[in-house]
Amino acid sequence: MSAIVEQLYRKYKKSLLSKKEAAEELSISTATLDRLRKQGLIRSKKVGGGIYFTLNELATFIGE
């Protein structure tokens, strides 16, 4: 487990982050996060009608 993933897991105590949480962690707007997702630059999962991001995907996007 990477350092970023461990840090995020300690902070949130879960392995999927909502669009709002992911955007806050990346210091971008949810609209920018949607653009990145639609461009295929960051992968997401659809769960119960909501869009979520794994901690590993956020770490990969950040570049770790």
N, C-alpha and C. Protein backbone atom coordinates (compact mmCIF):
# COMPACT_ATOMS: atom_id res chain seq x y z
N MET A 1 0.85 -1.18 0.00
CA MET A 1 0.00 0.00 0.00
C MET A 1 0.89 1.24 0.00
N SER A 2 0.62 2.17 -0.90
CA SER A 2 1.46 3.36 -0.99
C SER A 2 1.18 4.32 0.17
N ALA A 3 2.08 5.24 0.36
CA ALA A 3 1.96 6.20 1.46
C ALA A 3 0.71 7.06 1.30
N ILE A 4 0.41 7.47 0.08
CA ILE A 4 -0.78 8.30 -0.16
C ILE A 4 -2.04 7.51 0.16
N VAL A 5 -2.10 6.27 -0.30
CA VAL A 5 -3.27 5.43 -0.04
C VAL A 5 -3.45 5.24 1.47
N GLU A 6 -2.37 4.96 2.17
CA GLU A 6 -2.44 4.78 3.63
C GLU A 6 -2.94 6.05 4.31
N GLN A 7 -2.42 7.19 3.88
CA GLN A 7 -2.82 8.47 4.47
C GLN A 7 -4.31 8.73 4.22
N LEU A 8 -4.78 8.49 3.00
CA LEU A 8 -6.19 8.71 2.69
C LEU A 8 -7.08 7.73 3.46
N TYR A 9 -6.63 6.49 3.59
CA TYR A 9 -7.44 5.51 4.32
C TYR A 9 -7.56 5.89 5.79
N ARG A 10 -6.46 6.36 6.38
CA ARG A 10 -6.52 6.80 7.78
C ARG A 10 -7.46 7.98 7.94
N LYS A 11 -7.48 8.87 6.97
CA LYS A 11 -8.34 10.06 7.04
C LYS A 11 -9.81 9.71 6.88
N TYR A 12 -10.14 8.87 5.91
CA TYR A 12 -11.55 8.60 5.57
C TYR A 12 -12.09 7.29 6.12
N LYS A 13 -11.24 6.34 6.47
CA LYS A 13 -11.65 5.03 6.98
C LYS A 13 -12.54 4.27 5.99
N LYS A 14 -12.30 4.47 4.70
CA LYS A 14 -13.02 3.75 3.64
C LYS A 14 -12.15 3.74 2.39
N SER A 15 -12.49 2.86 1.45
CA SER A 15 -11.63 2.70 0.27
C SER A 15 -12.18 3.38 -0.98
N LEU A 16 -13.39 3.90 -0.93
CA LEU A 16 -13.96 4.66 -2.05
C LEU A 16 -14.30 6.06 -1.58
N LEU A 17 -13.95 7.05 -2.40
CA LEU A 17 -14.28 8.44 -2.08
C LEU A 17 -15.32 8.95 -3.06
N SER A 18 -16.22 9.77 -2.56
CA SER A 18 -17.22 10.40 -3.43
C SER A 18 -16.54 11.39 -4.36
N LYS A 19 -17.29 11.86 -5.32
CA LYS A 19 -16.75 12.84 -6.26
C LYS A 19 -16.29 14.09 -5.51
N LYS A 20 -17.09 14.54 -4.56
CA LYS A 20 -16.74 15.74 -3.79
C LYS A 20 -15.46 15.52 -2.97
N GLU A 21 -15.36 14.38 -2.29
CA GLU A 21 -14.17 14.08 -1.49
C GLU A 21 -12.92 13.97 -2.37
N ALA A 22 -13.06 13.30 -3.51
CA ALA A 22 -11.92 13.14 -4.41
C ALA A 22 -11.46 14.50 -4.94
N ALA A 23 -12.41 15.33 -5.33
CA ALA A 23 -12.07 16.66 -5.84
C ALA A 23 -11.35 17.48 -4.77
N GLU A 24 -11.82 17.40 -3.53
CA GLU A 24 -11.17 18.13 -2.44
C GLU A 24 -9.74 17.64 -2.23
N GLU A 25 -9.54 16.33 -2.28
CA GLU A 25 -8.19 15.78 -2.09
C GLU A 25 -7.25 16.20 -3.21
N LEU A 26 -7.77 16.35 -4.43
CA LEU A 26 -6.95 16.75 -5.57
C LEU A 26 -6.88 18.27 -5.73
N SER A 27 -7.60 18.99 -4.89
CA SER A 27 -7.66 20.47 -4.93
C SER A 27 -8.15 20.97 -6.28
N ILE A 28 -9.20 20.32 -6.78
CA ILE A 28 -9.83 20.73 -8.03
C ILE A 28 -11.34 20.74 -7.83
N SER A 29 -12.05 21.33 -8.76
CA SER A 29 -13.51 21.35 -8.67
C SER A 29 -14.09 20.02 -9.13
N THR A 30 -15.33 19.76 -8.76
CA THR A 30 -15.98 18.54 -9.22
C THR A 30 -16.17 18.58 -10.74
N ALA A 31 -16.34 19.77 -11.31
CA ALA A 31 -16.46 19.89 -12.77
C ALA A 31 -15.16 19.48 -13.46
N THR A 32 -14.03 19.89 -12.91
CA THR A 32 -12.74 19.49 -13.46
C THR A 32 -12.54 17.98 -13.32
N LEU A 33 -12.94 17.44 -12.18
CA LEU A 33 -12.85 16.00 -11.96
C LEU A 33 -13.70 15.26 -12.99
N ASP A 34 -14.89 15.75 -13.28
CA ASP A 34 -15.75 15.15 -14.31
C ASP A 34 -15.07 15.18 -15.68
N ARG A 35 -14.42 16.30 -16.01
CA ARG A 35 -13.71 16.41 -17.29
C ARG A 35 -12.58 15.39 -17.37
N LEU A 36 -11.80 15.28 -16.31
CA LEU A 36 -10.70 14.31 -16.28
C LEU A 36 -11.23 12.89 -16.44
N ARG A 37 -12.35 12.61 -15.80
CA ARG A 37 -12.95 11.28 -15.87
C ARG A 37 -13.44 10.99 -17.28
N LYS A 38 -14.08 11.96 -17.91
CA LYS A 38 -14.59 11.77 -19.27
C LYS A 38 -13.47 11.65 -20.29
N GLN A 39 -12.32 12.27 -20.01
CA GLN A 39 -11.16 12.17 -20.89
C GLN A 39 -10.38 10.88 -20.66
N GLY A 40 -10.78 10.12 -19.65
CA GLY A 40 -10.10 8.86 -19.35
C GLY A 40 -8.81 9.01 -18.56
N LEU A 41 -8.59 10.17 -17.97
CA LEU A 41 -7.36 10.42 -17.23
C LEU A 41 -7.43 9.91 -15.80
N ILE A 42 -8.64 9.70 -15.30
CA ILE A 42 -8.83 9.13 -13.98
C ILE A 42 -10.06 8.22 -14.05
N ARG A 43 -9.93 7.03 -13.49
CA ARG A 43 -11.02 6.06 -13.57
C ARG A 43 -11.93 6.17 -12.35
N SER A 44 -13.19 5.86 -12.56
CA SER A 44 -14.17 5.92 -11.47
C SER A 44 -15.00 4.65 -11.48
N LYS A 45 -15.78 4.49 -10.43
CA LYS A 45 -16.70 3.37 -10.31
C LYS A 45 -18.09 3.95 -10.05
N LYS A 46 -19.10 3.32 -10.64
CA LYS A 46 -20.47 3.75 -10.40
C LYS A 46 -21.08 2.77 -9.40
N VAL A 47 -21.53 3.29 -8.27
CA VAL A 47 -22.11 2.47 -7.22
C VAL A 47 -23.44 3.11 -6.81
N GLY A 48 -24.52 2.40 -7.02
CA GLY A 48 -25.83 2.90 -6.59
C GLY A 48 -26.19 4.26 -7.17
N GLY A 49 -25.78 4.52 -8.39
CA GLY A 49 -26.09 5.80 -9.02
C GLY A 49 -25.09 6.90 -8.74
N GLY A 50 -24.14 6.67 -7.84
CA GLY A 50 -23.13 7.67 -7.53
C GLY A 50 -21.80 7.32 -8.18
N ILE A 51 -20.96 8.33 -8.34
CA ILE A 51 -19.63 8.15 -8.92
C ILE A 51 -18.62 8.18 -7.78
N TYR A 52 -17.76 7.15 -7.72
CA TYR A 52 -16.77 7.03 -6.66
C TYR A 52 -15.40 6.74 -7.24
N PHE A 53 -14.37 7.06 -6.46
CA PHE A 53 -12.99 6.89 -6.88
C PHE A 53 -12.25 6.09 -5.82
N THR A 54 -11.46 5.10 -6.26
CA THR A 54 -10.69 4.31 -5.30
C THR A 54 -9.47 5.12 -4.85
N LEU A 55 -9.00 4.79 -3.67
CA LEU A 55 -7.81 5.46 -3.15
C LEU A 55 -6.62 5.18 -4.05
N ASN A 56 -6.53 3.96 -4.57
CA ASN A 56 -5.43 3.62 -5.48
C ASN A 56 -5.48 4.45 -6.75
N GLU A 57 -6.67 4.69 -7.27
CA GLU A 57 -6.81 5.50 -8.49
C GLU A 57 -6.36 6.94 -8.23
N LEU A 58 -6.71 7.48 -7.08
CA LEU A 58 -6.27 8.85 -6.74
C LEU A 58 -4.74 8.89 -6.63
N ALA A 59 -4.15 7.89 -5.98
CA ALA A 59 -2.69 7.85 -5.84
C ALA A 59 -2.02 7.74 -7.21
N THR A 60 -2.59 6.91 -8.09
CA THR A 60 -2.04 6.77 -9.43
C THR A 60 -2.14 8.09 -10.20
N PHE A 61 -3.27 8.77 -10.07
CA PHE A 61 -3.44 10.05 -10.77
C PHE A 61 -2.45 11.08 -10.25
N ILE A 62 -2.25 11.12 -8.95
CA ILE A 62 -1.30 12.07 -8.36
C ILE A 62 0.11 11.80 -8.85
N GLY A 63 0.36 10.52 -9.17
CA GLY A 63 1.66 10.19 -9.74
C GLY A 63 2.55 9.37 -8.85
N GLU A 64 1.97 8.76 -7.83
CA GLU A 64 2.80 7.93 -6.96
C GLU A 64 2.93 6.54 -7.56
